[in-house]
Amino acid sequence: MKIIGITGKSGSGKSTLTQELSKKINCSTVNVDKIGHKATSNKNITKKLCEIFGKQILNDDEKIDRKKLGNIVFSDKEKMDILTEITWGYMQEILDEILENEQGKYIILEWALLPISKYWEKCNTKILIEAEDEERKIRVMERDKISEEYFLKRDSGCIDYTPYDFDYKFKNDYTEKTMDNFANEIKNHIEY
């Protein structure tokens, strides 16, 4: 099995590219952020996070409110590191199990933080998708129903992709044609 890694900042088009490419090469996909969401739904993890950050991170249903938690961790690297330390083991277990059980020829891992994880070196094809910051901001604010202030706080926690090696760097202009062309280019390369 070959792993295709797709990374980029929030709103750059990772999910759209993942969907397009997965259709073209008929493969499974993993949105690693969704595994992170599952982690914060785990009762043991919720308990640990409440012990550290307080019960103000909970919503009315006694579940983690990701926006409340985000307001705490996105502006403080030390607190973000604590969140990562608490959730990462759980996330790795799930991701390792998915990769171990995958039967297909390819699998796509999609995650903004992929280049700083152990899974980056396992990727056979590494793709960075980029987009104009203002366009990303507008799209993410609308998609996630968040304020500009929250977007900027969350975006400040992004990693710097410059030092990493990529097989492809793609500038997304959010047109269907450009995305389709790029997915075809990757398909042709990996199936060559």
Protein backbone atom coordinates (compact mmCIF):
# COMPACT_ATOMS: atom_id res chain seq x y z
CA MET A 1 0.00 0.00 0.00
CA LYS A 2 1.22 3.50 -0.86
CA ILE A 3 0.38 6.50 1.31
CA ILE A 4 -0.41 9.88 -0.23
CA GLY A 5 -0.08 12.77 2.21
CA ILE A 6 -2.03 15.96 1.58
CA THR A 7 -1.33 18.94 3.81
CA GLY A 8 -1.96 22.69 3.92
CA LYS A 9 -3.56 25.35 6.07
CA SER A 10 -7.21 25.33 7.03
CA GLY A 11 -9.42 26.26 4.09
CA SER A 12 -6.76 25.63 1.45
CA GLY A 13 -8.74 22.81 -0.17
CA LYS A 14 -7.25 19.64 1.34
CA SER A 15 -10.60 17.88 1.64
CA THR A 16 -11.69 18.80 -1.88
CA LEU A 17 -8.43 17.55 -3.38
CA THR A 18 -8.63 14.39 -1.26
CA GLN A 19 -12.16 13.68 -2.53
CA GLU A 20 -11.23 14.34 -6.17
CA LEU A 21 -8.09 12.24 -6.07
CA SER A 22 -9.70 9.38 -4.15
CA LYS A 23 -12.39 9.11 -6.85
CA LYS A 24 -9.78 9.02 -9.60
CA ILE A 25 -7.59 6.34 -8.01
CA ASN A 26 -10.37 4.55 -6.08
CA CYS A 27 -8.81 4.64 -2.62
CA SER A 28 -9.62 5.14 1.04
CA THR A 29 -9.06 8.47 2.76
CA VAL A 30 -8.37 9.54 6.33
CA ASN A 31 -9.07 13.04 7.60
CA VAL A 32 -6.80 13.02 10.65
CA ASP A 33 -8.62 16.05 12.13
CA LYS A 34 -11.72 13.88 12.45
CA ILE A 35 -9.70 11.40 14.51
CA GLY A 36 -8.73 14.34 16.72
CA HIS A 37 -12.42 15.19 17.11
CA LYS A 38 -13.07 11.59 18.22
CA ALA A 39 -10.24 11.89 20.71
CA THR A 40 -11.84 14.86 22.43
CA SER A 41 -15.10 12.86 22.61
CA ASN A 42 -13.39 10.07 24.55
CA LYS A 43 -14.51 10.15 28.21
CA ASN A 44 -11.01 9.61 29.65
CA ILE A 45 -9.56 12.35 27.47
CA THR A 46 -12.45 14.70 28.31
CA LYS A 47 -11.77 14.10 32.01
CA LYS A 48 -8.03 14.85 31.64
CA LEU A 49 -8.72 18.00 29.61
CA CYS A 50 -11.20 19.25 32.24
CA GLU A 51 -8.66 18.62 34.99
CA ILE A 52 -6.17 20.84 33.17
CA PHE A 53 -8.30 23.48 31.43
CA GLY A 54 -11.37 23.49 33.67
CA LYS A 55 -14.98 22.62 33.03
CA GLN A 56 -15.52 25.85 31.08
CA ILE A 57 -14.41 23.88 27.99
CA LEU A 58 -17.61 21.82 28.17
CA ASN A 59 -20.90 22.58 26.44
CA ASP A 60 -24.35 22.07 28.00
CA ASP A 61 -24.19 18.33 27.21
CA GLU A 62 -20.97 17.94 29.22
CA LYS A 63 -18.98 17.35 26.03
CA ILE A 64 -15.89 19.22 24.87
CA ASP A 65 -16.81 22.43 23.07
CA ARG A 66 -14.04 22.61 20.47
CA LYS A 67 -14.38 26.38 20.04
CA LYS A 68 -14.05 26.99 23.79
CA LEU A 69 -11.04 24.68 23.93
CA GLY A 70 -9.62 26.32 20.81
CA ASN A 71 -9.85 29.77 22.40
CA ILE A 72 -7.58 28.49 25.16
CA VAL A 73 -5.02 26.49 23.18
CA PHE A 74 -4.66 28.37 19.89
CA SER A 75 -3.13 31.41 21.56
CA ASP A 76 -0.78 29.49 23.87
CA LYS A 77 1.78 27.04 22.48
CA GLU A 78 2.37 25.43 25.87
CA LYS A 79 -1.35 24.69 26.24
CA MET A 80 -1.51 23.40 22.67
CA ASP A 81 1.37 21.06 23.48
CA ILE A 82 -0.59 19.77 26.49
CA LEU A 83 -3.65 19.14 24.33
CA THR A 84 -1.50 17.31 21.79
CA GLU A 85 0.17 15.21 24.47
CA ILE A 86 -3.22 14.13 25.85
CA THR A 87 -4.87 13.34 22.50
CA TRP A 88 -1.97 12.13 20.33
CA GLY A 89 -1.65 8.60 21.76
CA TYR A 90 -5.33 7.93 21.11
CA MET A 91 -5.08 9.39 17.60
CA GLN A 92 -2.02 7.27 16.77
CA GLU A 93 -3.75 4.08 17.91
CA ILE A 94 -6.66 4.70 15.57
CA LEU A 95 -4.47 5.79 12.67
CA ASP A 96 -2.10 2.84 13.09
CA GLU A 97 -5.05 0.45 13.09
CA ILE A 98 -6.49 2.02 9.93
CA LEU A 99 -3.16 1.76 8.12
CA GLU A 100 -2.56 -1.79 9.33
CA ASN A 101 -5.95 -2.97 8.09
CA GLU A 102 -6.02 -1.08 4.77
CA GLN A 103 -6.32 -3.48 1.86
CA GLY A 104 -6.21 -1.03 -1.05
CA LYS A 105 -3.33 -0.03 -3.28
CA TYR A 106 -3.41 3.57 -2.01
CA ILE A 107 -4.65 5.53 0.99
CA ILE A 108 -4.75 9.32 1.38
CA LEU A 109 -3.92 10.96 4.71
CA GLU A 110 -5.17 14.53 4.95
CA TRP A 111 -4.03 16.76 7.81
CA ALA A 112 -2.61 20.24 8.34
CA LEU A 113 -0.07 18.88 10.85
CA LEU A 114 0.95 15.82 8.84
CA PRO A 115 4.54 17.05 8.17
CA ILE A 116 5.33 17.13 11.90
CA SER A 117 3.96 13.65 12.59
CA LYS A 118 5.63 10.26 12.33
CA TYR A 119 3.35 9.50 9.36
CA TRP A 120 5.00 12.07 7.10
CA GLU A 121 8.02 9.87 6.47
CA LYS A 122 5.67 7.01 5.58
CA CYS A 123 4.08 9.03 2.77
CA ASN A 124 5.14 7.93 -0.71
CA THR A 125 3.74 11.09 -2.29
CA LYS A 126 3.71 14.41 -0.41
CA ILE A 127 1.42 17.22 -1.51
CA LEU A 128 1.10 20.79 -0.24
CA ILE A 129 -2.01 22.70 -1.19
CA GLU A 130 -1.90 26.48 -0.78
CA ALA A 131 -4.41 29.29 -1.25
CA GLU A 132 -4.58 33.03 -0.76
CA ASP A 133 -4.95 33.89 2.94
CA GLU A 134 -7.91 36.24 2.48
CA GLU A 135 -9.86 33.69 0.44
CA ARG A 136 -9.08 30.96 2.96
CA LYS A 137 -10.23 33.19 5.80
CA ILE A 138 -13.57 33.94 4.14
CA ARG A 139 -14.18 30.28 3.33
CA VAL A 140 -13.24 28.97 6.78
CA MET A 141 -15.29 31.62 8.60
CA GLU A 142 -18.33 30.68 6.53
CA ARG A 143 -17.73 26.90 6.70
CA ASP A 144 -17.01 26.71 10.43
CA LYS A 145 -19.29 29.59 11.48
CA ILE A 146 -16.47 31.34 13.31
CA SER A 147 -15.42 34.95 13.77
CA GLU A 148 -12.43 36.54 12.09
CA GLU A 149 -10.76 36.78 15.50
CA TYR A 150 -11.16 33.04 16.07
CA PHE A 151 -9.93 32.25 12.56
CA LEU A 152 -6.79 34.36 13.07
CA LYS A 153 -6.15 32.75 16.46
CA ARG A 154 -6.53 29.26 14.98
CA ASP A 155 -4.50 30.13 11.88
CA SER A 156 -1.64 31.42 14.03
CA GLY A 157 -1.17 27.85 15.28
CA CYS A 158 -0.40 26.58 11.77
CA ILE A 159 3.00 25.16 11.04
CA ASP A 160 5.48 26.59 8.57
CA TYR A 161 5.56 24.35 5.52
CA THR A 162 8.62 25.96 3.90
CA PRO A 163 11.29 23.59 5.29
CA TYR A 164 9.53 20.44 4.17
CA ASP A 165 10.03 18.62 0.92
CA PHE A 166 6.98 18.07 -1.24
CA ASP A 167 6.53 16.12 -4.42
CA TYR A 168 3.82 18.60 -5.42
CA LYS A 169 2.93 22.14 -4.41
CA PHE A 170 -0.47 23.21 -5.63
CA LYS A 171 -1.89 26.73 -5.65
CA ASN A 172 -5.66 26.42 -5.29
CA ASP A 173 -7.77 29.04 -7.07
CA TYR A 174 -10.95 27.21 -5.98
CA THR A 175 -12.08 26.44 -9.53
CA GLU A 176 -13.33 22.96 -10.37
CA LYS A 177 -11.20 22.81 -13.51
CA THR A 178 -7.94 23.60 -11.70
CA MET A 179 -8.68 21.03 -8.98
CA ASP A 180 -9.60 18.38 -11.57
CA ASN A 181 -6.42 19.06 -13.57
CA PHE A 182 -4.27 18.81 -10.49
CA ALA A 183 -5.91 15.56 -9.34
CA ASN A 184 -5.33 14.14 -12.83
CA GLU A 185 -1.67 15.18 -12.72
CA ILE A 186 -1.15 13.35 -9.43
CA LYS A 187 -3.08 10.30 -10.66
CA ASN A 188 -0.93 10.09 -13.78
CA HIS A 189 2.26 10.43 -11.73
CA ILE A 190 1.48 7.80 -9.10
CA GLU A 191 0.09 5.29 -11.60
CA TYR A 192 3.03 5.73 -13.99
